[in-house]
PDB file of all heavy atoms in Angstrom:
ATOM      1  N   THR A   1      14.937-210.545-117.283  1.00  0.00           N
ATOM      2  CA  THR A   1      16.265-210.070-116.931  1.00  0.00           C
ATOM      3  C   THR A   1      16.267-209.131-115.752  1.00  0.00           C
ATOM      4  O   THR A   1      17.295-209.043-115.048  1.00  0.00           O
ATOM      5  CB  THR A   1      16.929-209.384-118.135  1.00  0.00           C
ATOM      6  OG1 THR A   1      16.051-208.310-118.617  1.00  0.00           O
ATOM      7  CG2 THR A   1      17.177-210.323-119.270  1.00  0.00           C
ATOM      8  N   TYR A   2      15.194-208.425-115.489  1.00  0.00           N
ATOM      9  CA  TYR A   2      15.190-207.567-114.293  1.00  0.00           C
ATOM     10  C   TYR A   2      15.310-208.375-113.023  1.00  0.00           C
ATOM     11  O   TYR A   2      15.753-207.884-111.988  1.00  0.00           O
ATOM     12  CB  TYR A   2      13.936-206.673-114.304  1.00  0.00           C
ATOM     13  CG  TYR A   2      12.576-207.323-114.462  1.00  0.00           C
ATOM     14  CD1 TYR A   2      12.008-208.116-113.421  1.00  0.00           C
ATOM     15  CD2 TYR A   2      11.925-207.203-115.655  1.00  0.00           C
ATOM     16  CE1 TYR A   2      10.793-208.703-113.594  1.00  0.00           C
ATOM     17  CE2 TYR A   2      10.646-207.810-115.851  1.00  0.00           C
ATOM     18  CZ  TYR A   2      10.115-208.554-114.832  1.00  0.00           C
ATOM     19  OH  TYR A   2       8.894-209.184-114.996  1.00  0.00           O
ATOM     20  N   ASP A   3      14.929-209.680-113.075  1.00  0.00           N
ATOM     21  CA  ASP A   3      15.104-210.567-111.928  1.00  0.00           C
ATOM     22  C   ASP A   3      16.333-211.433-111.986  1.00  0.00           C
ATOM     23  O   ASP A   3      16.812-211.911-110.950  1.00  0.00           O
ATOM     24  CB  ASP A   3      13.891-211.470-111.790  1.00  0.00           C
ATOM     25  CG  ASP A   3      12.658-210.787-111.147  1.00  0.00           C
ATOM     26  OD1 ASP A   3      12.854-209.793-110.482  1.00  0.00           O
ATOM     27  OD2 ASP A   3      11.529-211.294-111.381  1.00  0.00           O
ATOM     28  N   THR A   4      16.866-211.663-113.196  1.00  0.00           N
ATOM     29  CA  THR A   4      18.012-212.629-113.329  1.00  0.00           C
ATOM     30  C   THR A   4      19.393-211.909-113.426  1.00  0.00           C
ATOM     31  O   THR A   4      20.403-212.541-113.081  1.00  0.00           O
ATOM     32  CB  THR A   4      17.859-213.471-114.578  1.00  0.00           C
ATOM     33  OG1 THR A   4      17.963-212.657-115.761  1.00  0.00           O
ATOM     34  CG2 THR A   4      16.546-214.207-114.575  1.00  0.00           C
ATOM     35  N   HIS A   5      19.417-210.662-113.880  1.00  0.00           N
ATOM     36  CA  HIS A   5      20.691-209.994-114.159  1.00  0.00           C
ATOM     37  C   HIS A   5      21.282-209.385-112.914  1.00  0.00           C
ATOM     38  O   HIS A   5      20.752-208.386-112.359  1.00  0.00           O
ATOM     39  CB  HIS A   5      20.482-208.925-115.239  1.00  0.00           C
ATOM     40  CG  HIS A   5      21.772-208.403-115.830  1.00  0.00           C
ATOM     41  ND1 HIS A   5      21.817-207.307-116.645  1.00  0.00           N
ATOM     42  CD2 HIS A   5      23.060-208.831-115.732  1.00  0.00           C
ATOM     43  CE1 HIS A   5      23.032-207.092-117.031  1.00  0.00           C
ATOM     44  NE2 HIS A   5      23.811-208.013-116.471  1.00  0.00           N
ATOM     45  N   ILE A   6      22.345-209.968-112.432  1.00  0.00           N
ATOM     46  CA  ILE A   6      22.927-209.562-111.135  1.00  0.00           C
ATOM     47  C   ILE A   6      24.437-209.354-111.281  1.00  0.00           C
ATOM     48  O   ILE A   6      25.064-209.783-112.252  1.00  0.00           O
ATOM     49  CB  ILE A   6      22.656-210.633-110.038  1.00  0.00           C
ATOM     50  CG1 ILE A   6      22.837-212.046-110.571  1.00  0.00           C
ATOM     51  CG2 ILE A   6      21.207-210.508-109.557  1.00  0.00           C
ATOM     52  CD1 ILE A   6      24.197-212.545-110.638  1.00  0.00           C
ATOM     53  N   PRO A   7      25.093-208.702-110.334  1.00  0.00           N
ATOM     54  CA  PRO A   7      26.533-208.498-110.423  1.00  0.00           C
ATOM     55  C   PRO A   7      27.306-209.758-109.926  1.00  0.00           C
ATOM     56  O   PRO A   7      26.811-210.468-109.068  1.00  0.00           O
ATOM     57  CB  PRO A   7      26.783-207.335-109.472  1.00  0.00           C
ATOM     58  CG  PRO A   7      25.680-207.433-108.466  1.00  0.00           C
ATOM     59  CD  PRO A   7      24.496-207.960-109.181  1.00  0.00           C
ATOM     60  N   ILE A   8      28.446-209.981-110.544  1.00  0.00           N
ATOM     61  CA  ILE A   8      29.446-210.876-110.007  1.00  0.00           C
ATOM     62  C   ILE A   8      30.770-210.172-110.110  1.00  0.00           C
ATOM     63  O   ILE A   8      31.237-209.815-111.189  1.00  0.00           O
ATOM     64  CB  ILE A   8      29.504-212.262-110.740  1.00  0.00           C
ATOM     65  CG1 ILE A   8      28.229-213.074-110.547  1.00  0.00           C
ATOM     66  CG2 ILE A   8      30.685-213.054-110.240  1.00  0.00           C
ATOM     67  CD1 ILE A   8      28.210-214.401-111.251  1.00  0.00           C
ATOM     68  N   ILE A   9      31.432-209.943-108.976  1.00  0.00           N
ATOM     69  CA  ILE A   9      32.704-209.300-108.915  1.00  0.00           C
ATOM     70  C   ILE A   9      33.628-210.116-108.010  1.00  0.00           C
ATOM     71  O   ILE A   9      33.259-210.474-106.893  1.00  0.00           O
ATOM     72  CB  ILE A   9      32.622-207.855-108.356  1.00  0.00           C
ATOM     73  CG1 ILE A   9      31.649-207.021-109.175  1.00  0.00           C
ATOM     74  CG2 ILE A   9      33.987-207.176-108.335  1.00  0.00           C
ATOM     75  CD1 ILE A   9      31.325-205.660-108.552  1.00  0.00           C
ATOM     76  N   PHE A  10      34.812-210.381-108.482  1.00  0.00           N
ATOM     77  CA  PHE A  10      35.874-210.990-107.672  1.00  0.00           C
ATOM     78  C   PHE A  10      36.974-209.947-107.454  1.00  0.00           C
ATOM     79  O   PHE A  10      37.314-209.167-108.349  1.00  0.00           O
ATOM     80  CB  PHE A  10      36.463-212.230-108.354  1.00  0.00           C
ATOM     81  CG  PHE A  10      35.686-213.475-108.131  1.00  0.00           C
ATOM     82  CD1 PHE A  10      34.511-213.733-108.840  1.00  0.00           C
ATOM     83  CD2 PHE A  10      36.066-214.411-107.167  1.00  0.00           C
ATOM     84  CE1 PHE A  10      33.772-214.897-108.663  1.00  0.00           C
ATOM     85  CE2 PHE A  10      35.332-215.587-106.952  1.00  0.00           C
ATOM     86  CZ  PHE A  10      34.196-215.825-107.711  1.00  0.00           C
ATOM     87  N   PHE A  11      37.532-209.927-106.226  1.00  0.00           N
ATOM     88  CA  PHE A  11      38.486-208.922-105.823  1.00  0.00           C
ATOM     89  C   PHE A  11      39.476-209.494-104.824  1.00  0.00           C
ATOM     90  O   PHE A  11      39.082-210.278-103.964  1.00  0.00           O
ATOM     91  CB  PHE A  11      37.759-207.740-105.236  1.00  0.00           C
ATOM     92  CG  PHE A  11      38.579-206.682-104.558  1.00  0.00           C
ATOM     93  CD1 PHE A  11      39.023-205.587-105.275  1.00  0.00           C
ATOM     94  CD2 PHE A  11      38.950-206.806-103.230  1.00  0.00           C
ATOM     95  CE1 PHE A  11      39.801-204.615-104.677  1.00  0.00           C
ATOM     96  CE2 PHE A  11      39.746-205.842-102.599  1.00  0.00           C
ATOM     97  CZ  PHE A  11      40.163-204.735-103.320  1.00  0.00           C
ATOM     98  N   GLY A  12      40.764-209.117-104.948  1.00  0.00           N
ATOM     99  CA  GLY A  12      41.676-209.487-103.899  1.00  0.00           C
ATOM    100  C   GLY A  12      42.890-210.257-104.404  1.00  0.00           C
ATOM    101  O   GLY A  12      43.273-210.152-105.572  1.00  0.00           O
ATOM    102  N   SER A  13      43.429-211.055-103.534  1.00  0.00           N
ATOM    103  CA  SER A  13      44.694-211.774-103.792  1.00  0.00           C
ATOM    104  C   SER A  13      44.597-212.650-105.001  1.00  0.00           C
ATOM    105  O   SER A  13      43.709-213.512-105.168  1.00  0.00           O
ATOM    106  CB  SER A  13      45.045-212.656-102.566  1.00  0.00           C
ATOM    107  OG  SER A  13      46.175-213.420-102.832  1.00  0.00           O
ATOM    108  N   GLY A  14      45.474-212.401-105.994  1.00  0.00           N
ATOM    109  CA  GLY A  14      45.532-213.206-107.203  1.00  0.00           C
ATOM    110  C   GLY A  14      44.460-212.927-108.254  1.00  0.00           C
ATOM    111  O   GLY A  14      44.417-213.571-109.301  1.00  0.00           O
ATOM    112  N   ILE A  15      43.588-211.943-107.977  1.00  0.00           N
ATOM    113  CA  ILE A  15      42.551-211.597-108.906  1.00  0.00           C
ATOM    114  C   ILE A  15      42.959-210.411-109.790  1.00  0.00           C
ATOM    115  O   ILE A  15      43.240-209.340-109.292  1.00  0.00           O
ATOM    116  CB  ILE A  15      41.212-211.231-108.181  1.00  0.00           C
ATOM    117  CG1 ILE A  15      40.793-212.317-107.194  1.00  0.00           C
ATOM    118  CG2 ILE A  15      40.095-210.925-109.178  1.00  0.00           C
ATOM    119  CD1 ILE A  15      40.505-213.665-107.858  1.00  0.00           C
ATOM    120  N   ASN A  16      43.047-210.659-111.068  1.00  0.00           N
ATOM    121  CA  ASN A  16      43.478-209.613-111.985  1.00  0.00           C
ATOM    122  C   ASN A  16      42.337-208.617-112.245  1.00  0.00           C
ATOM    123  O   ASN A  16      41.148-208.983-112.137  1.00  0.00           O
ATOM    124  CB  ASN A  16      43.927-210.203-113.328  1.00  0.00           C
ATOM    125  CG  ASN A  16      45.175-211.067-113.178  1.00  0.00           C
ATOM    126  OD1 ASN A  16      46.054-210.728-112.398  1.00  0.00           O
ATOM    127  ND2 ASN A  16      45.236-212.119-113.954  1.00  0.00           N
ATOM    128  N   GLN A  17      42.722-207.383-112.557  1.00  0.00           N
ATOM    129  CA  GLN A  17      41.702-206.396-112.884  1.00  0.00           C
ATOM    130  C   GLN A  17      41.155-206.633-114.286  1.00  0.00           C
ATOM    131  O   GLN A  17      41.950-206.966-115.190  1.00  0.00           O
ATOM    132  CB  GLN A  17      42.318-205.000-112.769  1.00  0.00           C
ATOM    133  CG  GLN A  17      41.371-203.846-112.855  1.00  0.00           C
ATOM    134  CD  GLN A  17      40.948-203.470-114.286  1.00  0.00           C
ATOM    135  OE1 GLN A  17      41.651-203.728-115.254  1.00  0.00           O
ATOM    136  NE2 GLN A  17      39.731-202.901-114.414  1.00  0.00           N
ATOM    137  N   GLY A  18      39.881-206.475-114.434  1.00  0.00           N
ATOM    138  CA  GLY A  18      39.333-206.685-115.779  1.00  0.00           C
ATOM    139  C   GLY A  18      37.808-206.692-115.780  1.00  0.00           C
ATOM    140  O   GLY A  18      37.177-206.600-114.728  1.00  0.00           O
ATOM    141  N   LYS A  19      37.224-206.839-116.948  1.00  0.00           N
ATOM    142  CA  LYS A  19      35.805-206.886-117.157  1.00  0.00           C
ATOM    143  C   LYS A  19      35.500-207.911-118.248  1.00  0.00           C
ATOM    144  O   LYS A  19      36.326-208.075-119.171  1.00  0.00           O
ATOM    145  CB  LYS A  19      35.217-205.512-117.513  1.00  0.00           C
ATOM    146  CG  LYS A  19      35.291-204.487-116.416  1.00  0.00           C
ATOM    147  CD  LYS A  19      34.711-203.145-116.874  1.00  0.00           C
ATOM    148  CE  LYS A  19      34.661-202.165-115.739  1.00  0.00           C
ATOM    149  NZ  LYS A  19      35.938-201.816-115.189  1.00  0.00           N
ATOM    150  N   SER A  20      34.332-208.498-118.172  1.00  0.00           N
ATOM    151  CA  SER A  20      33.895-209.427-119.212  1.00  0.00           C
ATOM    152  C   SER A  20      32.398-209.200-119.448  1.00  0.00           C
ATOM    153  O   SER A  20      31.624-209.033-118.456  1.00  0.00           O
ATOM    154  CB  SER A  20      34.178-210.873-118.819  1.00  0.00           C
ATOM    155  OG  SER A  20      33.577-211.753-119.747  1.00  0.00           O
ATOM    156  N   VAL A  21      31.985-209.303-120.707  1.00  0.00           N
ATOM    157  CA  VAL A  21      30.551-209.265-121.014  1.00  0.00           C
ATOM    158  C   VAL A  21      30.052-210.633-121.444  1.00  0.00           C
ATOM    159  O   VAL A  21      28.910-210.746-121.933  1.00  0.00           O
ATOM    160  CB  VAL A  21      30.249-208.200-122.128  1.00  0.00           C
ATOM    161  CG1 VAL A  21      30.552-206.804-121.596  1.00  0.00           C
ATOM    162  CG2 VAL A  21      31.019-208.523-123.394  1.00  0.00           C
ATOM    163  N   ARG A  22      30.872-211.627-121.255  1.00  0.00           N
ATOM    164  CA  ARG A  22      30.473-212.995-121.552  1.00  0.00           C
ATOM    165  C   ARG A  22      29.300-213.390-120.661  1.00  0.00           C
ATOM    166  O   ARG A  22      29.269-213.061-119.484  1.00  0.00           O
ATOM    167  CB  ARG A  22      31.633-213.975-121.359  1.00  0.00           C
ATOM    168  CG  ARG A  22      31.309-215.430-121.713  1.00  0.00           C
ATOM    169  CD  ARG A  22      32.607-216.296-121.708  1.00  0.00           C
ATOM    170  NE  ARG A  22      33.175-216.402-120.352  1.00  0.00           N
ATOM    171  CZ  ARG A  22      32.880-217.398-119.505  1.00  0.00           C
ATOM    172  NH1 ARG A  22      32.002-218.304-119.822  1.00  0.00           N
ATOM    173  NH2 ARG A  22      33.445-217.441-118.303  1.00  0.00           N
ATOM    174  N   ASN A  23      28.320-214.067-121.208  1.00  0.00           N
ATOM    175  CA  ASN A  23      27.162-214.554-120.415  1.00  0.00           C
ATOM    176  C   ASN A  23      27.628-215.662-119.471  1.00  0.00           C
ATOM    177  O   ASN A  23      28.101-216.705-119.901  1.00  0.00           O
ATOM    178  CB  ASN A  23      26.085-215.051-121.333  1.00  0.00           C
ATOM    179  CG  ASN A  23      24.808-215.396-120.565  1.00  0.00           C
ATOM    180  OD1 ASN A  23      24.780-216.408-119.857  1.00  0.00           O
ATOM    181  ND2 ASN A  23      23.798-214.555-120.639  1.00  0.00           N
ATOM    182  N   VAL A  24      27.547-215.419-118.176  1.00  0.00           N
ATOM    183  CA  VAL A  24      27.895-216.403-117.182  1.00  0.00           C
ATOM    184  C   VAL A  24      26.760-216.598-116.222  1.00  0.00           C
ATOM    185  O   VAL A  24      25.799-215.791-116.181  1.00  0.00           O
ATOM    186  CB  VAL A  24      29.199-215.982-116.425  1.00  0.00           C
ATOM    187  CG1 VAL A  24      30.380-215.813-117.380  1.00  0.00           C
ATOM    188  CG2 VAL A  24      28.955-214.690-115.632  1.00  0.00           C
ATOM    189  N   ALA A  25      26.788-217.701-115.464  1.00  0.00           N
ATOM    190  CA  ALA A  25      25.669-218.013-114.569  1.00  0.00           C
ATOM    191  C   ALA A  25      26.095-217.967-113.116  1.00  0.00           C
ATOM    192  O   ALA A  25      27.260-218.137-112.736  1.00  0.00           O
ATOM    193  CB  ALA A  25      25.151-219.428-114.897  1.00  0.00           C
ATOM    194  N   ILE A  26      25.073-217.740-112.267  1.00  0.00           N
ATOM    195  CA  ILE A  26      25.324-217.673-110.805  1.00  0.00           C
ATOM    196  C   ILE A  26      25.976-218.933-110.274  1.00  0.00           C
ATOM    197  O   ILE A  26      26.751-218.898-109.329  1.00  0.00           O
ATOM    198  CB  ILE A  26      23.996-217.372-110.124  1.00  0.00           C
ATOM    199  CG1 ILE A  26      24.226-216.892-108.641  1.00  0.00           C
ATOM    200  CG2 ILE A  26      23.083-218.571-110.120  1.00  0.00           C
ATOM    201  CD1 ILE A  26      24.896-215.540-108.562  1.00  0.00           C
ATOM    202  N   ILE A  27      25.646-220.080-110.889  1.00  0.00           N
ATOM    203  CA  ILE A  27      26.206-221.346-110.432  1.00  0.00           C
ATOM    204  C   ILE A  27      27.689-221.507-110.757  1.00  0.00           C
ATOM    205  O   ILE A  27      28.317-222.497-110.333  1.00  0.00           O
ATOM    206  CB  ILE A  27      25.413-222.539-111.003  1.00  0.00           C
ATOM    207  CG1 ILE A  27      25.495-222.585-112.517  1.00  0.00           C
ATOM    208  CG2 ILE A  27      23.973-222.519-110.512  1.00  0.00           C
ATOM    209  CD1 ILE A  27      24.839-223.787-113.139  1.00  0.00           C
ATOM    210  N   ASP A  28      28.331-220.495-111.438  1.00  0.00           N
ATOM    211  CA  ASP A  28      29.728-220.618-111.767  1.00  0.00           C
ATOM    212  C   ASP A  28      30.601-220.131-110.604  1.00  0.00           C
ATOM    213  O   ASP A  28      31.840-220.362-110.647  1.00  0.00           O
ATOM    214  CB  ASP A  28      30.018-219.749-113.021  1.00  0.00           C
ATOM    215  CG  ASP A  28      29.370-220.304-114.263  1.00  0.00           C
ATOM    216  OD1 ASP A  28      29.022-221.477-114.279  1.00  0.00           O
ATOM    217  OD2 ASP A  28      29.132-219.492-115.183  1.00  0.00           O
ATOM    218  N   ILE A  29      29.996-219.464-109.598  1.00  0.00           N
ATOM    219  CA  ILE A  29      30.810-218.908-108.531  1.00  0.00           C
ATOM    220  C   ILE A  29      31.471-220.001-107.691  1.00  0.00           C
ATOM    221  O   ILE A  29      32.694-219.943-107.430  1.00  0.00           O
ATOM    222  CB  ILE A  29      29.959-217.994-107.618  1.00  0.00           C
ATOM    223  CG1 ILE A  29      29.583-216.742-108.365  1.00  0.00           C
ATOM    224  CG2 ILE A  29      30.670-217.647-106.338  1.00  0.00           C
ATOM    225  CD1 ILE A  29      28.598-215.802-107.610  1.00  0.00           C
ATOM    226  N   ALA A  30      30.738-220.981-107.254  1.00  0.00           N
ATOM    227  CA  ALA A  30      31.255-222.047-106.389  1.00  0.00           C
ATOM    228  C   ALA A  30      32.376-222.857-107.084  1.00  0.00           C
ATOM    229  O   ALA A  30      33.450-223.084-106.458  1.00  0.00           O
ATOM    230  CB  ALA A  30      30.147-222.964-105.868  1.00  0.00           C
ATOM    231  N   PRO A  31      32.189-223.286-108.321  1.00  0.00           N
ATOM    232  CA  PRO A  31      33.283-223.986-108.995  1.00  0.00           C
ATOM    233  C   PRO A  31      34.522-223.108-109.124  1.00  0.00           C
ATOM    234  O   PRO A  31      35.666-223.602-109.047  1.00  0.00           O
ATOM    235  CB  PRO A  31      32.675-224.361-110.338  1.00  0.00           C
ATOM    236  CG  PRO A  31      31.234-224.455-110.119  1.00  0.00           C
ATOM    237  CD  PRO A  31      30.951-223.354-109.119  1.00  0.00           C
ATOM    238  N   THR A  32      34.350-221.808-109.340  1.00  0.00           N
ATOM    239  CA  THR A  32      35.497-220.903-109.419  1.00  0.00           C
ATOM    240  C   THR A  32      36.259-220.902-108.107  1.00  0.00           C
ATOM    241  O   THR A  32      37.477-220.944-108.094  1.00  0.00           O
ATOM    242  CB  THR A  32      35.004-219.487-109.783  1.00  0.00           C
ATOM    243  OG1 THR A  32      34.306-219.525-110.995  1.00  0.00           O
ATOM    244  CG2 THR A  32      36.160-218.511-109.840  1.00  0.00           C
ATOM    245  N   LEU A  33      35.549-220.849-106.995  1.00  0.00           N
ATOM    246  CA  LEU A  33      36.195-220.848-105.707  1.00  0.00           C
ATOM    247  C   LEU A  33      36.918-222.167-105.439  1.00  0.00           C
ATOM    248  O   LEU A  33      37.994-222.216-104.870  1.00  0.00           O
ATOM    249  CB  LEU A  33      35.157-220.591-104.581  1.00  0.00           C
ATOM    250  CG  LEU A  33      34.561-219.182-104.558  1.00  0.00           C
ATOM    251  CD1 LEU A  33      33.340-219.133-103.625  1.00  0.00           C
ATOM    252  CD2 LEU A  33      35.618-218.184-104.122  1.00  0.00           C
ATOM    253  N   SER A  34      36.309-223.274-105.902  1.00  0.00           N
ATOM    254  CA  SER A  34      36.969-224.592-105.783  1.00  0.00           C
ATOM    255  C   SER A  34      38.321-224.579-106.498  1.00  0.00           C
ATOM    256  O   SER A  34      39.314-225.074-105.957  1.00  0.00           O
ATOM    257  CB  SER A  34      36.099-225.687-106.380  1.00  0.00           C
ATOM    258  OG  SER A  34      34.932-225.901-105.601  1.00  0.00           O
ATOM    259  N   MET A  35      38.331-224.009-107.670  1.00  0.00           N
ATOM    260  CA  MET A  35      39.603-223.944-108.447  1.00  0.00           C
ATOM    261  C   MET A  35      40.614-223.024-107.769  1.00  0.00           C
ATOM    262  O   MET A  35      41.797-223.321-107.706  1.00  0.00           O
ATOM    263  CB  MET A  35      39.339-223.550-109.889  1.00  0.00           C
ATOM    264  CG  MET A  35      38.457-224.474-110.687  1.00  0.00           C
ATOM    265  SD  MET A  35      39.089-226.178-110.806  1.00  0.00           S
ATOM    266  CE  MET A  35      37.866-227.036-109.747  1.00  0.00           C
ATOM    267  N   LEU A  36      40.145-221.879-107.278  1.00  0.00           N
ATOM    268  CA  LEU A  36      41.031-220.921-106.636  1.00  0.00           C
ATOM    269  C   LEU A  36      41.668-221.499-105.364  1.00  0.00           C
ATOM    270  O   LEU A  36      42.815-221.245-105.077  1.00  0.00           O
ATOM    271  CB  LEU A  36      40.270-219.625-106.272  1.00  0.00           C
ATOM    272  CG  LEU A  36      39.911-218.701-107.399  1.00  0.00           C
ATOM    273  CD1 LEU A  36      39.011-217.576-106.891  1.00  0.00           C
ATOM    274  CD2 LEU A  36      41.175-218.096-108.038  1.00  0.00           C
TER     275      LEU A  36
END
């Protein structure tokens, strides 16, 4: 985990404020951008 646990933060237009402790993966960023 010292090598795998990294931040993911989205900020700006249409992004709501909030936090999640759900386990998510780095590969989820690009599909999120596709949907946005």
